[in-house]
Amino acid sequence: MSNMGLLLQNQGKLDKALPYHREALAGQRHVLGDDHPNTLTSINNMGFLLNKLGKYDDAFDVLNTGEPAARRTWIGPNTRWLGNYLAKLGEAEGATNQFPNGEATLLEAHKLLAEGFGDDHDRTTKCIARLITLYDAWHTAEPGKGYDAKAVAWMKKLDAAAP
């Protein structure tokens, strides 16, 4: 189910992918439990898809519920996967105007991704792009507080990471 959801998602058929991701997640929760890496990967996939669909409240709900299990499961050498998970959560937090939480989550995600994958890895640079988006939105909501400068600083890091 999960693979079919990912295939449809990769083909741009986001609405068609959603039921497959839901079914995969429900089955994995039932059989494997919330702390299993496969279940957490399905939660991550669901959150990613919901973010892409612009359903940020739903993405936040799914990812936030799974965050404690992700923190328990993806420790030690697997913290890069926690970083990947947190990047999706931080995106949803920022898109739902939870700016301070989103910033903290994305900064933690960036640190874990940079340590685990490297500064120029696609997952790391996408996290930087999410930080820029968050700071741009925060600046729009609260102009004059320096969030535009933070967006520019991260844009420079993104440009430096580009090949």
N, C-alpha and C. Protein backbone atom coordinates (compact mmCIF):
# COMPACT_ATOMS: atom_id res chain seq x y z
N MET A 1 0.82 -1.19 0.00
CA MET A 1 0.00 0.00 0.00
C MET A 1 0.86 1.26 0.00
N SER A 2 1.87 1.23 0.85
CA SER A 2 2.76 2.39 0.95
C SER A 2 3.48 2.65 -0.36
N ASN A 3 3.99 1.58 -0.97
CA ASN A 3 4.69 1.73 -2.25
C ASN A 3 3.77 2.26 -3.34
N MET A 4 2.52 1.81 -3.36
CA MET A 4 1.58 2.31 -4.36
C MET A 4 1.30 3.79 -4.10
N GLY A 5 1.17 4.17 -2.84
CA GLY A 5 0.99 5.58 -2.51
C GLY A 5 2.16 6.42 -2.97
N LEU A 6 3.37 5.92 -2.76
CA LEU A 6 4.56 6.66 -3.19
C LEU A 6 4.64 6.74 -4.71
N LEU A 7 4.29 5.65 -5.40
CA LEU A 7 4.30 5.66 -6.86
C LEU A 7 3.33 6.71 -7.40
N LEU A 8 2.11 6.72 -6.89
CA LEU A 8 1.13 7.71 -7.33
C LEU A 8 1.59 9.12 -6.99
N GLN A 9 2.16 9.27 -5.83
CA GLN A 9 2.67 10.58 -5.40
C GLN A 9 3.77 11.05 -6.35
N ASN A 10 4.69 10.18 -6.69
CA ASN A 10 5.78 10.53 -7.60
C ASN A 10 5.28 10.84 -9.01
N GLN A 11 4.13 10.31 -9.36
CA GLN A 11 3.53 10.61 -10.65
C GLN A 11 2.70 11.89 -10.61
N GLY A 12 2.66 12.52 -9.44
CA GLY A 12 1.90 13.76 -9.29
C GLY A 12 0.42 13.55 -9.02
N LYS A 13 0.02 12.31 -8.77
CA LYS A 13 -1.38 11.99 -8.50
C LYS A 13 -1.61 12.00 -6.98
N LEU A 14 -1.48 13.19 -6.41
CA LEU A 14 -1.46 13.32 -4.96
C LEU A 14 -2.76 12.88 -4.31
N ASP A 15 -3.90 13.29 -4.85
CA ASP A 15 -5.18 12.90 -4.26
C ASP A 15 -5.40 11.39 -4.33
N LYS A 16 -4.92 10.76 -5.39
CA LYS A 16 -5.06 9.31 -5.51
C LYS A 16 -4.12 8.57 -4.56
N ALA A 17 -3.00 9.20 -4.21
CA ALA A 17 -2.03 8.57 -3.31
C ALA A 17 -2.52 8.55 -1.87
N LEU A 18 -3.31 9.53 -1.50
CA LEU A 18 -3.71 9.69 -0.10
C LEU A 18 -4.38 8.45 0.50
N PRO A 19 -5.37 7.82 -0.16
CA PRO A 19 -5.98 6.63 0.45
C PRO A 19 -5.00 5.48 0.67
N TYR A 20 -4.03 5.35 -0.23
CA TYR A 20 -3.04 4.29 -0.06
C TYR A 20 -2.15 4.55 1.16
N HIS A 21 -1.76 5.80 1.33
CA HIS A 21 -0.97 6.14 2.51
C HIS A 21 -1.77 5.94 3.80
N ARG A 22 -3.04 6.32 3.77
CA ARG A 22 -3.89 6.13 4.96
C ARG A 22 -4.01 4.65 5.32
N GLU A 23 -4.25 3.82 4.30
CA GLU A 23 -4.41 2.38 4.55
C GLU A 23 -3.10 1.77 5.05
N ALA A 24 -2.01 2.15 4.44
CA ALA A 24 -0.71 1.63 4.88
C ALA A 24 -0.44 2.01 6.33
N LEU A 25 -0.69 3.25 6.67
CA LEU A 25 -0.45 3.71 8.04
C LEU A 25 -1.35 2.98 9.03
N ALA A 26 -2.61 2.84 8.71
CA ALA A 26 -3.53 2.15 9.62
C ALA A 26 -3.09 0.71 9.83
N GLY A 27 -2.71 0.02 8.76
CA GLY A 27 -2.26 -1.37 8.88
C GLY A 27 -0.99 -1.50 9.69
N GLN A 28 -0.04 -0.61 9.44
CA GLN A 28 1.22 -0.69 10.18
C GLN A 28 1.03 -0.37 11.66
N ARG A 29 0.20 0.60 11.95
CA ARG A 29 -0.07 0.89 13.37
C ARG A 29 -0.69 -0.33 14.05
N HIS A 30 -1.61 -0.98 13.36
CA HIS A 30 -2.30 -2.13 13.93
C HIS A 30 -1.35 -3.31 14.13
N VAL A 31 -0.53 -3.60 13.14
CA VAL A 31 0.32 -4.79 13.18
C VAL A 31 1.64 -4.53 13.89
N LEU A 32 2.28 -3.39 13.61
CA LEU A 32 3.63 -3.14 14.10
C LEU A 32 3.70 -2.23 15.32
N GLY A 33 2.68 -1.42 15.53
CA GLY A 33 2.70 -0.46 16.63
C GLY A 33 3.29 0.87 16.21
N ASP A 34 3.10 1.88 17.05
CA ASP A 34 3.50 3.26 16.72
C ASP A 34 5.01 3.48 16.70
N ASP A 35 5.79 2.68 17.43
CA ASP A 35 7.22 2.92 17.53
C ASP A 35 8.04 2.21 16.45
N HIS A 36 7.41 1.42 15.62
CA HIS A 36 8.15 0.68 14.61
C HIS A 36 8.63 1.63 13.52
N PRO A 37 9.87 1.48 13.06
CA PRO A 37 10.39 2.37 12.02
C PRO A 37 9.52 2.42 10.75
N ASN A 38 8.91 1.29 10.37
CA ASN A 38 8.06 1.30 9.18
C ASN A 38 6.80 2.14 9.40
N THR A 39 6.25 2.07 10.60
CA THR A 39 5.08 2.89 10.93
C THR A 39 5.47 4.36 10.90
N LEU A 40 6.61 4.68 11.48
CA LEU A 40 7.06 6.07 11.49
C LEU A 40 7.36 6.58 10.08
N THR A 41 7.88 5.71 9.23
CA THR A 41 8.10 6.09 7.84
C THR A 41 6.77 6.38 7.16
N SER A 42 5.76 5.60 7.46
CA SER A 42 4.43 5.86 6.89
C SER A 42 3.84 7.16 7.41
N ILE A 43 4.05 7.45 8.69
CA ILE A 43 3.60 8.73 9.24
C ILE A 43 4.32 9.87 8.51
N ASN A 44 5.63 9.71 8.33
CA ASN A 44 6.42 10.71 7.63
C ASN A 44 5.91 10.91 6.19
N ASN A 45 5.65 9.80 5.50
CA ASN A 45 5.14 9.87 4.13
C ASN A 45 3.78 10.57 4.08
N MET A 46 2.93 10.24 5.04
CA MET A 46 1.60 10.85 5.10
C MET A 46 1.73 12.36 5.35
N GLY A 47 2.58 12.73 6.29
CA GLY A 47 2.79 14.15 6.57
C GLY A 47 3.34 14.89 5.37
N PHE A 48 4.29 14.27 4.68
CA PHE A 48 4.87 14.89 3.48
C PHE A 48 3.79 15.12 2.43
N LEU A 49 2.97 14.11 2.19
CA LEU A 49 1.91 14.22 1.19
C LEU A 49 0.89 15.29 1.59
N LEU A 50 0.48 15.29 2.84
CA LEU A 50 -0.49 16.29 3.30
C LEU A 50 0.09 17.71 3.17
N ASN A 51 1.37 17.87 3.46
CA ASN A 51 2.01 19.17 3.25
C ASN A 51 1.95 19.56 1.77
N LYS A 52 2.28 18.61 0.89
CA LYS A 52 2.25 18.89 -0.55
C LYS A 52 0.85 19.26 -1.02
N LEU A 53 -0.16 18.66 -0.40
CA LEU A 53 -1.55 18.96 -0.75
C LEU A 53 -2.03 20.28 -0.14
N GLY A 54 -1.19 20.89 0.70
CA GLY A 54 -1.58 22.13 1.36
C GLY A 54 -2.49 21.91 2.55
N LYS A 55 -2.58 20.67 3.02
CA LYS A 55 -3.42 20.32 4.17
C LYS A 55 -2.53 20.33 5.43
N TYR A 56 -2.06 21.52 5.75
CA TYR A 56 -1.05 21.66 6.79
C TYR A 56 -1.58 21.32 8.19
N ASP A 57 -2.83 21.64 8.46
CA ASP A 57 -3.39 21.27 9.77
C ASP A 57 -3.41 19.76 9.94
N ASP A 58 -3.81 19.05 8.88
CA ASP A 58 -3.84 17.58 8.93
C ASP A 58 -2.43 17.02 9.04
N ALA A 59 -1.50 17.61 8.29
CA ALA A 59 -0.10 17.16 8.36
C ALA A 59 0.45 17.36 9.76
N PHE A 60 0.16 18.52 10.34
CA PHE A 60 0.62 18.77 11.71
C PHE A 60 0.05 17.72 12.66
N ASP A 61 -1.24 17.46 12.57
CA ASP A 61 -1.87 16.49 13.48
C ASP A 61 -1.21 15.12 13.37
N VAL A 62 -0.99 14.65 12.16
CA VAL A 62 -0.40 13.32 11.95
C VAL A 62 1.04 13.29 12.48
N LEU A 63 1.83 14.28 12.09
CA LEU A 63 3.25 14.28 12.45
C LEU A 63 3.46 14.58 13.93
N ASN A 64 2.68 15.48 14.49
CA ASN A 64 2.83 15.82 15.90
C ASN A 64 2.51 14.63 16.79
N THR A 65 1.49 13.88 16.40
CA THR A 65 1.11 12.69 17.17
C THR A 65 2.23 11.65 17.18
N GLY A 66 2.94 11.53 16.07
CA GLY A 66 4.01 10.54 15.98
C GLY A 66 5.37 11.01 16.47
N GLU A 67 5.50 12.31 16.78
CA GLU A 67 6.82 12.83 17.17
C GLU A 67 7.44 12.12 18.37
N PRO A 68 6.71 11.87 19.46
CA PRO A 68 7.35 11.17 20.58
C PRO A 68 7.92 9.80 20.19
N ALA A 69 7.17 9.06 19.38
CA ALA A 69 7.66 7.74 18.93
C ALA A 69 8.89 7.90 18.04
N ALA A 70 8.89 8.92 17.18
CA ALA A 70 10.05 9.16 16.32
C ALA A 70 11.28 9.47 17.16
N ARG A 71 11.10 10.25 18.21
CA ARG A 71 12.23 10.60 19.09
C ARG A 71 12.73 9.38 19.86
N ARG A 72 11.83 8.47 20.21
CA ARG A 72 12.25 7.24 20.92
C ARG A 72 12.94 6.26 19.99
N THR A 73 12.50 6.22 18.75
CA THR A 73 12.93 5.18 17.82
C THR A 73 14.18 5.57 17.04
N TRP A 74 14.22 6.78 16.53
CA TRP A 74 15.33 7.20 15.68
C TRP A 74 16.38 7.94 16.50
N ILE A 75 17.14 7.16 17.25
CA ILE A 75 18.21 7.70 18.09
C ILE A 75 19.53 7.11 17.62
N GLY A 76 20.61 7.60 18.19
CA GLY A 76 21.92 7.07 17.83
C GLY A 76 22.24 7.30 16.37
N PRO A 77 22.65 6.25 15.66
CA PRO A 77 23.05 6.42 14.25
C PRO A 77 21.86 6.73 13.33
N ASN A 78 20.65 6.63 13.84
CA ASN A 78 19.47 6.87 13.02
C ASN A 78 18.88 8.27 13.19
N THR A 79 19.60 9.17 13.83
CA THR A 79 19.02 10.50 14.07
C THR A 79 18.80 11.28 12.78
N ARG A 80 19.47 10.92 11.70
CA ARG A 80 19.20 11.62 10.44
C ARG A 80 17.76 11.39 10.01
N TRP A 81 17.21 10.22 10.33
CA TRP A 81 15.80 9.95 9.98
C TRP A 81 14.88 10.75 10.87
N LEU A 82 15.28 11.00 12.11
CA LEU A 82 14.52 11.91 12.96
C LEU A 82 14.56 13.31 12.34
N GLY A 83 15.71 13.74 11.86
CA GLY A 83 15.81 15.04 11.20
C GLY A 83 14.89 15.13 10.00
N ASN A 84 14.82 14.08 9.21
CA ASN A 84 13.94 14.04 8.05
C ASN A 84 12.48 14.19 8.49
N TYR A 85 12.11 13.50 9.55
CA TYR A 85 10.75 13.56 10.09
C TYR A 85 10.44 14.96 10.60
N LEU A 86 11.37 15.51 11.37
CA LEU A 86 11.16 16.83 11.96
C LEU A 86 11.05 17.92 10.90
N ALA A 87 11.74 17.75 9.77
CA ALA A 87 11.64 18.74 8.69
C ALA A 87 10.20 18.85 8.19
N LYS A 88 9.51 17.72 8.08
CA LYS A 88 8.11 17.74 7.65
C LYS A 88 7.21 18.37 8.72
N LEU A 89 7.49 18.03 9.99
CA LEU A 89 6.72 18.61 11.09
C LEU A 89 6.93 20.12 11.16
N GLY A 90 8.17 20.56 11.05
CA GLY A 90 8.46 21.99 11.09
C GLY A 90 7.79 22.74 9.95
N GLU A 91 7.74 22.13 8.77
CA GLU A 91 7.04 22.75 7.65
C GLU A 91 5.57 22.96 7.99
N ALA A 92 4.93 21.94 8.55
CA ALA A 92 3.51 22.04 8.92
C ALA A 92 3.31 23.08 10.02
N GLU A 93 4.23 23.13 10.98
CA GLU A 93 4.11 24.13 12.04
C GLU A 93 4.20 25.54 11.47
N GLY A 94 5.15 25.76 10.60
CA GLY A 94 5.30 27.08 10.00
C GLY A 94 4.09 27.47 9.17
N ALA A 95 3.57 26.52 8.41
CA ALA A 95 2.43 26.80 7.54
C ALA A 95 1.14 27.02 8.32
N THR A 96 1.11 26.60 9.57
CA THR A 96 -0.06 26.83 10.43
C THR A 96 0.21 27.97 11.42
N ASN A 97 1.18 28.80 11.08
CA ASN A 97 1.53 30.00 11.87
C ASN A 97 2.02 29.71 13.28
N GLN A 98 2.54 28.53 13.50
CA GLN A 98 3.19 28.19 14.76
C GLN A 98 4.69 28.48 14.58
N PHE A 99 4.98 29.74 14.34
CA PHE A 99 6.33 30.12 13.91
C PHE A 99 7.44 29.77 14.90
N PRO A 100 7.30 30.10 16.19
CA PRO A 100 8.40 29.74 17.11
C PRO A 100 8.65 28.23 17.18
N ASN A 101 7.58 27.45 17.23
CA ASN A 101 7.74 25.99 17.25
C ASN A 101 8.34 25.49 15.95
N GLY A 102 7.84 26.01 14.82
CA GLY A 102 8.35 25.60 13.52
C GLY A 102 9.82 25.93 13.37
N GLU A 103 10.21 27.11 13.84
CA GLU A 103 11.62 27.49 13.78
C GLU A 103 12.48 26.52 14.58
N ALA A 104 12.08 26.24 15.81
CA ALA A 104 12.86 25.34 16.66
C ALA A 104 12.93 23.94 16.04
N THR A 105 11.82 23.47 15.51
CA THR A 105 11.78 22.14 14.92
C THR A 105 12.67 22.07 13.68
N LEU A 106 12.58 23.09 12.82
CA LEU A 106 13.38 23.09 11.60
C LEU A 106 14.87 23.28 11.88
N LEU A 107 15.21 24.07 12.88
CA LEU A 107 16.63 24.23 13.24
C LEU A 107 17.20 22.91 13.75
N GLU A 108 16.43 22.20 14.56
CA GLU A 108 16.87 20.88 15.03
C GLU A 108 16.98 19.91 13.86
N ALA A 109 15.99 19.94 12.98
CA ALA A 109 16.01 19.06 11.81
C ALA A 109 17.23 19.35 10.95
N HIS A 110 17.52 20.62 10.73
CA HIS A 110 18.68 20.98 9.90
C HIS A 110 19.97 20.44 10.51
N LYS A 111 20.12 20.61 11.79
CA LYS A 111 21.33 20.12 12.47
C LYS A 111 21.48 18.61 12.27
N LEU A 112 20.40 17.86 12.50
CA LEU A 112 20.46 16.40 12.37
C LEU A 112 20.70 15.97 10.92
N LEU A 113 20.07 16.67 9.99
CA LEU A 113 20.25 16.32 8.58
C LEU A 113 21.66 16.64 8.10
N ALA A 114 22.18 17.80 8.50
CA ALA A 114 23.54 18.17 8.10
C ALA A 114 24.56 17.19 8.68
N GLU A 115 24.35 16.79 9.94
CA GLU A 115 25.26 15.82 10.56
C GLU A 115 25.13 14.44 9.92
N GLY A 116 23.91 14.06 9.58
CA GLY A 116 23.67 12.71 9.08
C GLY A 116 23.87 12.52 7.59
N PHE A 117 23.55 13.55 6.81
CA PHE A 117 23.62 13.44 5.36
C PHE A 117 24.66 14.36 4.73
N GLY A 118 24.99 15.45 5.40
CA GLY A 118 25.91 16.44 4.85
C GLY A 118 25.17 17.71 4.47
N ASP A 119 25.92 18.80 4.37
CA ASP A 119 25.33 20.12 4.11
C ASP A 119 24.71 20.24 2.73
N ASP A 120 25.24 19.51 1.75
CA ASP A 120 24.75 19.69 0.39
C ASP A 120 23.78 18.59 -0.06
N HIS A 121 23.37 17.73 0.87
CA HIS A 121 22.41 16.67 0.53
C HIS A 121 21.03 17.28 0.28
N ASP A 122 20.29 16.66 -0.60
CA ASP A 122 18.96 17.14 -0.97
C ASP A 122 18.04 17.32 0.24
N ARG A 123 18.07 16.40 1.18
CA ARG A 123 17.20 16.52 2.36
C ARG A 123 17.59 17.73 3.20
N THR A 124 18.88 17.99 3.30
CA THR A 124 19.36 19.13 4.08
C THR A 124 18.98 20.44 3.39
N THR A 125 19.18 20.50 2.09
CA THR A 125 18.86 21.75 1.38
C THR A 125 17.35 22.00 1.35
N LYS A 126 16.55 20.95 1.29
CA LYS A 126 15.09 21.13 1.36
C LYS A 126 14.68 21.67 2.73
N CYS A 127 15.38 21.25 3.76
CA CYS A 127 15.11 21.77 5.10
C CYS A 127 15.43 23.26 5.15
N ILE A 128 16.54 23.65 4.53
CA ILE A 128 16.89 25.07 4.47
C ILE A 128 15.79 25.84 3.74
N ALA A 129 15.29 25.30 2.64
CA ALA A 129 14.21 25.95 1.90
C ALA A 129 12.97 26.10 2.78
N ARG A 130 12.70 25.09 3.61
CA ARG A 130 11.56 25.19 4.54
C ARG A 130 11.78 26.30 5.57
N LEU A 131 13.01 26.44 6.03
CA LEU A 131 13.32 27.54 6.97
C LEU A 131 13.11 28.90 6.30
N ILE A 132 13.54 29.04 5.07
CA ILE A 132 13.36 30.29 4.34
C ILE A 132 11.87 30.60 4.20
N THR A 133 11.09 29.60 3.84
CA THR A 133 9.64 29.78 3.71
C THR A 133 9.02 30.21 5.03
N LEU A 134 9.45 29.57 6.12
CA LEU A 134 8.94 29.92 7.44
C LEU A 134 9.27 31.37 7.78
N TYR A 135 10.53 31.77 7.58
CA TYR A 135 10.93 33.13 7.91
C TYR A 135 10.23 34.15 7.03
N ASP A 136 10.01 33.84 5.77
CA ASP A 136 9.27 34.75 4.89
C ASP A 136 7.83 34.94 5.39
N ALA A 137 7.19 33.83 5.76
CA ALA A 137 5.81 33.92 6.26
C ALA A 137 5.76 34.65 7.60
N TRP A 138 6.74 34.40 8.45
CA TRP A 138 6.80 35.05 9.76
C TRP A 138 7.01 36.55 9.58
N HIS A 139 7.86 36.91 8.64
CA HIS A 139 8.09 38.33 8.35
C HIS A 139 6.80 39.00 7.85
N THR A 140 6.05 38.30 7.02
CA THR A 140 4.77 38.84 6.53
C THR A 140 3.80 39.04 7.69
N ALA A 141 3.78 38.08 8.62
CA ALA A 141 2.87 38.16 9.76
C ALA A 141 3.32 39.19 10.79
N GLU A 142 4.64 39.33 10.96
CA GLU A 142 5.20 40.23 11.97
C GLU A 142 6.38 41.00 11.37
N PRO A 143 6.10 41.97 10.50
CA PRO A 143 7.19 42.70 9.84
C PRO A 143 8.02 43.51 10.85
N GLY A 144 9.27 43.74 10.46
CA GLY A 144 10.13 44.59 11.27
C GLY A 144 10.79 43.91 12.46
N LYS A 145 10.71 42.60 12.53
CA LYS A 145 11.30 41.88 13.66
C LYS A 145 12.52 41.06 13.27
N GLY A 146 13.00 41.24 12.05
CA GLY A 146 14.24 40.61 11.64
C GLY A 146 14.10 39.25 10.99
N TYR A 147 12.88 38.81 10.75
CA TYR A 147 12.70 37.50 10.15
C TYR A 147 13.11 37.51 8.68
N ASP A 148 12.98 38.66 8.03
CA ASP A 148 13.44 38.77 6.64
C ASP A 148 14.95 38.61 6.56
N ALA A 149 15.67 39.13 7.55
CA ALA A 149 17.13 38.98 7.59
C ALA A 149 17.51 37.52 7.81
N LYS A 150 16.74 36.82 8.63
CA LYS A 150 17.01 35.40 8.84
C LYS A 150 16.78 34.62 7.54
N ALA A 151 15.74 34.98 6.80
CA ALA A 151 15.49 34.32 5.51
C ALA A 151 16.66 34.54 4.56
N VAL A 152 17.19 35.76 4.53
CA VAL A 152 18.32 36.07 3.66
C VAL A 152 19.56 35.27 4.08
N ALA A 153 19.80 35.18 5.38
CA ALA A 153 20.97 34.43 5.87
C ALA A 153 20.87 32.96 5.46
N TRP A 154 19.70 32.36 5.57
CA TRP A 154 19.52 30.97 5.16
C TRP A 154 19.59 30.82 3.66
N MET A 155 19.14 31.84 2.93
CA MET A 155 19.25 31.79 1.47
C MET A 155 20.72 31.73 1.06
N LYS A 156 21.58 32.43 1.77
CA LYS A 156 23.01 32.38 1.49
C LYS A 156 23.56 30.98 1.75
N LYS A 157 23.10 30.33 2.80
CA LYS A 157 23.54 28.96 3.09
C LYS A 157 23.04 28.01 2.01
N LEU A 158 21.83 28.26 1.53
CA LEU A 158 21.29 27.42 0.47
C LEU A 158 22.10 27.61 -0.81
N ASP A 159 22.42 28.85 -1.13
CA ASP A 159 23.24 29.12 -2.33
C ASP A 159 24.63 28.49 -2.21
N ALA A 160 25.19 28.50 -1.00
CA ALA A 160 26.51 27.91 -0.80
C ALA A 160 26.49 26.39 -0.94
N ALA A 161 25.34 25.78 -0.63
CA ALA A 161 25.22 24.32 -0.72
C ALA A 161 24.96 23.85 -2.15
N ALA A 162 24.53 24.77 -3.01
CA ALA A 162 24.21 24.39 -4.40
C ALA A 162 25.48 24.01 -5.15
N PRO A 163 25.36 23.00 -6.03
CA PRO A 163 26.54 22.56 -6.79
C PRO A 163 27.00 23.60 -7.79
